[in-house]
Amino acid sequence: MDGVLRQGEACLDILKQEDAEMGVERSFIILKPSCLKRGLVGEIISRFEKKGLKILQLKIAKLPREKVEELYQQHLGKPFYDELVSFMTSDRVVLMVVEGRDAIGVVRRMIGATDPAEASPGTIRGDLALDKTDNLIHACDSPESYEREVRIFFDEKELCPDT
């Protein structure tokens, strides 16, 4: 098992170096419970694919409270924290990793402002959401947050494409 983990880490290191040279990066995305309930998963994934982002990993899961608390640790103590954690653990979500040129920035622009009332038309939140907590989608906002967040939900071997 230890050898498999080292092999996965070595694979990721090589891929990161090659991708950085080409301007390719990865973004971590969560489609929130309301996205599944409202039947919007296909439409949202389609937007990313039509933009040219490659889906590297996708899974549906009901998130344990501990993982959601770890994801949103920077919001601990804020007035919306408990409501957000409860909402994110209320039902299943879609966890995704996409890849492409400037993927983090591209995804952030596609999803729009955190508050859907302020999101531009044409963005996912601008077109499909109204509520600030239930804004349909979470996405990392930097390479550092990608590295931290993706490791909460995916193993190294899940992120290394078959060779």
C-alpha atoms as a PDB file:
ATOM      1  CA  MET A   1       0.000   0.000   0.000  1.00  0.00           C
ATOM      2  CA  ASP A   2       2.847   2.385   0.880  1.00  0.00           C
ATOM      3  CA  GLY A   3       4.415   1.785  -2.530  1.00  0.00           C
ATOM      4  CA  VAL A   4       1.134   2.555  -4.271  1.00  0.00           C
ATOM      5  CA  LEU A   5       0.843   5.876  -2.404  1.00  0.00           C
ATOM      6  CA  ARG A   6       4.428   6.823  -3.296  1.00  0.00           C
ATOM      7  CA  GLN A   7       3.765   5.894  -6.922  1.00  0.00           C
ATOM      8  CA  GLY A   8       0.608   8.044  -6.920  1.00  0.00           C
ATOM      9  CA  GLU A   9       2.478  10.979  -5.369  1.00  0.00           C
ATOM     10  CA  ALA A  10       5.289  10.641  -7.938  1.00  0.00           C
ATOM     11  CA  CYS A  11       2.720  10.569 -10.743  1.00  0.00           C
ATOM     12  CA  LEU A  12       1.062  13.725  -9.399  1.00  0.00           C
ATOM     13  CA  ASP A  13       4.420  15.512  -9.101  1.00  0.00           C
ATOM     14  CA  ILE A  14       5.270  14.753 -12.756  1.00  0.00           C
ATOM     15  CA  LEU A  15       1.802  15.807 -13.916  1.00  0.00           C
ATOM     16  CA  LYS A  16       1.939  19.055 -11.908  1.00  0.00           C
ATOM     17  CA  GLN A  17       5.286  19.969 -13.452  1.00  0.00           C
ATOM     18  CA  GLU A  18       4.107  19.203 -17.003  1.00  0.00           C
ATOM     19  CA  ASP A  19       0.784  21.004 -16.512  1.00  0.00           C
ATOM     20  CA  ALA A  20       2.385  24.096 -14.978  1.00  0.00           C
ATOM     21  CA  GLU A  21       4.591  24.434 -18.039  1.00  0.00           C
ATOM     22  CA  MET A  22       1.471  24.385 -20.255  1.00  0.00           C
ATOM     23  CA  GLY A  23      -0.647  26.700 -18.019  1.00  0.00           C
ATOM     24  CA  VAL A  24      -2.975  23.828 -17.135  1.00  0.00           C
ATOM     25  CA  GLU A  25      -4.351  23.612 -13.618  1.00  0.00           C
ATOM     26  CA  ARG A  26      -7.076  21.809 -11.723  1.00  0.00           C
ATOM     27  CA  SER A  27     -10.111  23.086  -9.865  1.00  0.00           C
ATOM     28  CA  PHE A  28     -12.164  21.399  -7.154  1.00  0.00           C
ATOM     29  CA  ILE A  29     -15.943  21.841  -7.339  1.00  0.00           C
ATOM     30  CA  ILE A  30     -18.895  20.739  -5.215  1.00  0.00           C
ATOM     31  CA  LEU A  31     -22.417  20.795  -6.603  1.00  0.00           C
ATOM     32  CA  LYS A  32     -24.485  21.380  -3.462  1.00  0.00           C
ATOM     33  CA  PRO A  33     -27.544  19.328  -2.352  1.00  0.00           C
ATOM     34  CA  SER A  34     -30.068  21.667  -3.983  1.00  0.00           C
ATOM     35  CA  CYS A  35     -28.320  21.197  -7.311  1.00  0.00           C
ATOM     36  CA  LEU A  36     -29.172  17.494  -7.228  1.00  0.00           C
ATOM     37  CA  LYS A  37     -32.701  18.091  -5.886  1.00  0.00           C
ATOM     38  CA  ARG A  38     -33.467  20.596  -8.647  1.00  0.00           C
ATOM     39  CA  GLY A  39     -32.034  18.386 -11.407  1.00  0.00           C
ATOM     40  CA  LEU A  40     -29.339  20.889 -12.422  1.00  0.00           C
ATOM     41  CA  VAL A  41     -26.296  18.594 -12.306  1.00  0.00           C
ATOM     42  CA  GLY A  42     -26.282  17.835 -16.033  1.00  0.00           C
ATOM     43  CA  GLU A  43     -26.739  21.463 -17.036  1.00  0.00           C
ATOM     44  CA  ILE A  44     -23.897  22.660 -14.812  1.00  0.00           C
ATOM     45  CA  ILE A  45     -21.482  19.902 -15.814  1.00  0.00           C
ATOM     46  CA  SER A  46     -22.370  20.595 -19.436  1.00  0.00           C
ATOM     47  CA  ARG A  47     -21.355  24.241 -19.018  1.00  0.00           C
ATOM     48  CA  PHE A  48     -17.911  23.206 -17.803  1.00  0.00           C
ATOM     49  CA  GLU A  49     -17.492  20.686 -20.616  1.00  0.00           C
ATOM     50  CA  LYS A  50     -18.665  23.153 -23.270  1.00  0.00           C
ATOM     51  CA  LYS A  51     -16.083  25.623 -21.979  1.00  0.00           C
ATOM     52  CA  GLY A  52     -13.412  22.989 -22.641  1.00  0.00           C
ATOM     53  CA  LEU A  53     -12.656  21.878 -19.101  1.00  0.00           C
ATOM     54  CA  LYS A  54     -11.875  18.182 -18.731  1.00  0.00           C
ATOM     55  CA  ILE A  55     -13.569  16.245 -15.926  1.00  0.00           C
ATOM     56  CA  LEU A  56     -10.881  14.210 -14.185  1.00  0.00           C
ATOM     57  CA  GLN A  57     -12.946  12.871 -11.322  1.00  0.00           C
ATOM     58  CA  LEU A  58     -16.587  12.925 -10.310  1.00  0.00           C
ATOM     59  CA  LYS A  59     -18.474  11.217  -7.524  1.00  0.00           C
ATOM     60  CA  ILE A  60     -21.732  11.562  -5.616  1.00  0.00           C
ATOM     61  CA  ALA A  61     -21.536  11.375  -1.845  1.00  0.00           C
ATOM     62  CA  LYS A  62     -23.334  12.304   1.361  1.00  0.00           C
ATOM     63  CA  LEU A  63     -20.676  14.258   3.213  1.00  0.00           C
ATOM     64  CA  PRO A  64     -19.846  13.569   6.846  1.00  0.00           C
ATOM     65  CA  ARG A  65     -20.008  16.630   9.100  1.00  0.00           C
ATOM     66  CA  GLU A  66     -16.276  16.380   9.922  1.00  0.00           C
ATOM     67  CA  LYS A  67     -15.268  16.766   6.274  1.00  0.00           C
ATOM     68  CA  VAL A  68     -17.581  19.741   5.729  1.00  0.00           C
ATOM     69  CA  GLU A  69     -16.236  21.398   8.888  1.00  0.00           C
ATOM     70  CA  GLU A  70     -12.711  20.875   7.581  1.00  0.00           C
ATOM     71  CA  LEU A  71     -13.677  22.314   4.193  1.00  0.00           C
ATOM     72  CA  TYR A  72     -15.204  25.448   5.714  1.00  0.00           C
ATOM     73  CA  GLN A  73     -12.807  25.834   8.670  1.00  0.00           C
ATOM     74  CA  GLN A  74     -11.979  29.424   7.636  1.00  0.00           C
ATOM     75  CA  HIS A  75     -15.637  30.358   8.298  1.00  0.00           C
ATOM     76  CA  LEU A  76     -15.775  28.899  11.827  1.00  0.00           C
ATOM     77  CA  GLY A  77     -17.384  31.438  14.167  1.00  0.00           C
ATOM     78  CA  LYS A  78     -19.103  33.396  11.394  1.00  0.00           C
ATOM     79  CA  PRO A  79     -22.893  33.816  11.640  1.00  0.00           C
ATOM     80  CA  PHE A  80     -23.619  31.593   8.618  1.00  0.00           C
ATOM     81  CA  TYR A  81     -21.242  28.743   9.534  1.00  0.00           C
ATOM     82  CA  ASP A  82     -23.693  26.384  11.290  1.00  0.00           C
ATOM     83  CA  GLU A  83     -26.384  26.856   8.631  1.00  0.00           C
ATOM     84  CA  LEU A  84     -23.828  26.188   5.866  1.00  0.00           C
ATOM     85  CA  VAL A  85     -22.496  23.015   7.498  1.00  0.00           C
ATOM     86  CA  SER A  86     -26.045  21.741   8.139  1.00  0.00           C
ATOM     87  CA  PHE A  87     -27.055  22.467   4.553  1.00  0.00           C
ATOM     88  CA  MET A  88     -23.980  20.757   3.078  1.00  0.00           C
ATOM     89  CA  THR A  89     -24.594  17.619   5.163  1.00  0.00           C
ATOM     90  CA  SER A  90     -28.361  17.540   4.531  1.00  0.00           C
ATOM     91  CA  ASP A  91     -28.215  15.412   1.376  1.00  0.00           C
ATOM     92  CA  ARG A  92     -25.911  14.135  -1.350  1.00  0.00           C
ATOM     93  CA  VAL A  93     -23.522  16.361  -3.321  1.00  0.00           C
ATOM     94  CA  VAL A  94     -21.434  15.957  -6.464  1.00  0.00           C
ATOM     95  CA  LEU A  95     -17.660  16.237  -5.964  1.00  0.00           C
ATOM     96  CA  MET A  96     -15.657  17.080  -9.090  1.00  0.00           C
ATOM     97  CA  VAL A  97     -12.148  17.818 -10.233  1.00  0.00           C
ATOM     98  CA  VAL A  98     -11.811  19.588 -13.564  1.00  0.00           C
ATOM     99  CA  GLU A  99      -8.680  20.438 -15.497  1.00  0.00           C
ATOM    100  CA  GLY A 100      -7.824  23.040 -18.101  1.00  0.00           C
ATOM    101  CA  ARG A 101      -5.978  26.258 -18.830  1.00  0.00           C
ATOM    102  CA  ASP A 102      -6.428  28.623 -15.839  1.00  0.00           C
ATOM    103  CA  ALA A 103      -9.116  26.228 -14.529  1.00  0.00           C
ATOM    104  CA  ILE A 104      -9.492  27.907 -11.134  1.00  0.00           C
ATOM    105  CA  GLY A 105     -10.054  31.372 -12.580  1.00  0.00           C
ATOM    106  CA  VAL A 106     -12.251  30.069 -15.399  1.00  0.00           C
ATOM    107  CA  VAL A 107     -14.478  28.149 -12.965  1.00  0.00           C
ATOM    108  CA  ARG A 108     -14.741  31.126 -10.577  1.00  0.00           C
ATOM    109  CA  ARG A 109     -15.825  33.406 -13.426  1.00  0.00           C
ATOM    110  CA  MET A 110     -18.323  30.825 -14.681  1.00  0.00           C
ATOM    111  CA  ILE A 111     -19.981  30.351 -11.280  1.00  0.00           C
ATOM    112  CA  GLY A 112     -20.319  34.069 -10.479  1.00  0.00           C
ATOM    113  CA  ALA A 113     -20.489  36.017  -7.230  1.00  0.00           C
ATOM    114  CA  THR A 114     -21.100  34.130  -3.968  1.00  0.00           C
ATOM    115  CA  ASP A 115     -24.366  36.017  -3.503  1.00  0.00           C
ATOM    116  CA  PRO A 116     -26.546  35.023  -6.477  1.00  0.00           C
ATOM    117  CA  ALA A 117     -28.391  38.361  -6.256  1.00  0.00           C
ATOM    118  CA  GLU A 118     -25.085  40.004  -7.228  1.00  0.00           C
ATOM    119  CA  ALA A 119     -24.007  37.369  -9.774  1.00  0.00           C
ATOM    120  CA  SER A 120     -23.978  38.423 -13.410  1.00  0.00           C
ATOM    121  CA  PRO A 121     -26.459  36.919 -15.858  1.00  0.00           C
ATOM    122  CA  GLY A 122     -24.796  34.133 -17.799  1.00  0.00           C
ATOM    123  CA  THR A 123     -23.018  32.775 -14.712  1.00  0.00           C
ATOM    124  CA  ILE A 124     -24.234  29.613 -13.004  1.00  0.00           C
ATOM    125  CA  ARG A 125     -25.351  31.469  -9.870  1.00  0.00           C
ATOM    126  CA  GLY A 126     -26.655  34.423 -11.865  1.00  0.00           C
ATOM    127  CA  ASP A 127     -28.864  32.171 -13.967  1.00  0.00           C
ATOM    128  CA  LEU A 128     -29.873  29.430 -11.537  1.00  0.00           C
ATOM    129  CA  ALA A 129     -29.599  30.504  -7.872  1.00  0.00           C
ATOM    130  CA  LEU A 130     -31.168  33.019  -5.484  1.00  0.00           C
ATOM    131  CA  ASP A 131     -30.039  32.198  -1.949  1.00  0.00           C
ATOM    132  CA  LYS A 132     -26.559  33.053  -0.625  1.00  0.00           C
ATOM    133  CA  THR A 133     -26.139  29.850   1.417  1.00  0.00           C
ATOM    134  CA  ASP A 134     -27.900  27.710  -1.162  1.00  0.00           C
ATOM    135  CA  ASN A 135     -25.959  29.133  -4.106  1.00  0.00           C
ATOM    136  CA  LEU A 136     -25.733  25.718  -5.861  1.00  0.00           C
ATOM    137  CA  ILE A 137     -21.966  25.387  -6.126  1.00  0.00           C
ATOM    138  CA  HIS A 138     -18.673  25.588  -4.264  1.00  0.00           C
ATOM    139  CA  ALA A 139     -15.334  25.978  -6.034  1.00  0.00           C
ATOM    140  CA  CYS A 140     -11.792  26.493  -4.814  1.00  0.00           C
ATOM    141  CA  ASP A 141     -10.455  30.022  -5.207  1.00  0.00           C
ATOM    142  CA  SER A 142      -6.691  29.501  -5.468  1.00  0.00           C
ATOM    143  CA  PRO A 143      -4.103  26.781  -6.134  1.00  0.00           C
ATOM    144  CA  GLU A 144      -3.546  26.590  -2.367  1.00  0.00           C
ATOM    145  CA  SER A 145      -7.243  26.076  -1.608  1.00  0.00           C
ATOM    146  CA  TYR A 146      -7.403  23.466  -4.391  1.00  0.00           C
ATOM    147  CA  GLU A 147      -4.572  21.482  -2.771  1.00  0.00           C
ATOM    148  CA  ARG A 148      -6.178  21.696   0.677  1.00  0.00           C
ATOM    149  CA  GLU A 149      -9.778  21.015  -0.382  1.00  0.00           C
ATOM    150  CA  VAL A 150      -9.230  18.226  -2.908  1.00  0.00           C
ATOM    151  CA  ARG A 151      -7.288  16.183  -0.335  1.00  0.00           C
ATOM    152  CA  ILE A 152     -10.294  16.236   2.004  1.00  0.00           C
ATOM    153  CA  PHE A 153     -12.437  14.337  -0.517  1.00  0.00           C
ATOM    154  CA  PHE A 154     -10.137  12.499  -2.955  1.00  0.00           C
ATOM    155  CA  ASP A 155      -7.230  10.075  -2.530  1.00  0.00           C
ATOM    156  CA  GLU A 156      -4.022  10.650  -4.498  1.00  0.00           C
ATOM    157  CA  LYS A 157      -4.681   7.610  -6.703  1.00  0.00           C
ATOM    158  CA  GLU A 158      -8.111   8.987  -7.699  1.00  0.00           C
ATOM    159  CA  LEU A 159      -6.432  12.079  -9.143  1.00  0.00           C
ATOM    160  CA  CYS A 160      -3.773  10.364 -11.206  1.00  0.00           C
ATOM    161  CA  PRO A 161      -5.031   9.453 -14.685  1.00  0.00           C
ATOM    162  CA  ASP A 162      -4.439   5.934 -15.926  1.00  0.00           C
ATOM    163  CA  THR A 163      -1.258   5.653 -17.945  1.00  0.00           C
END
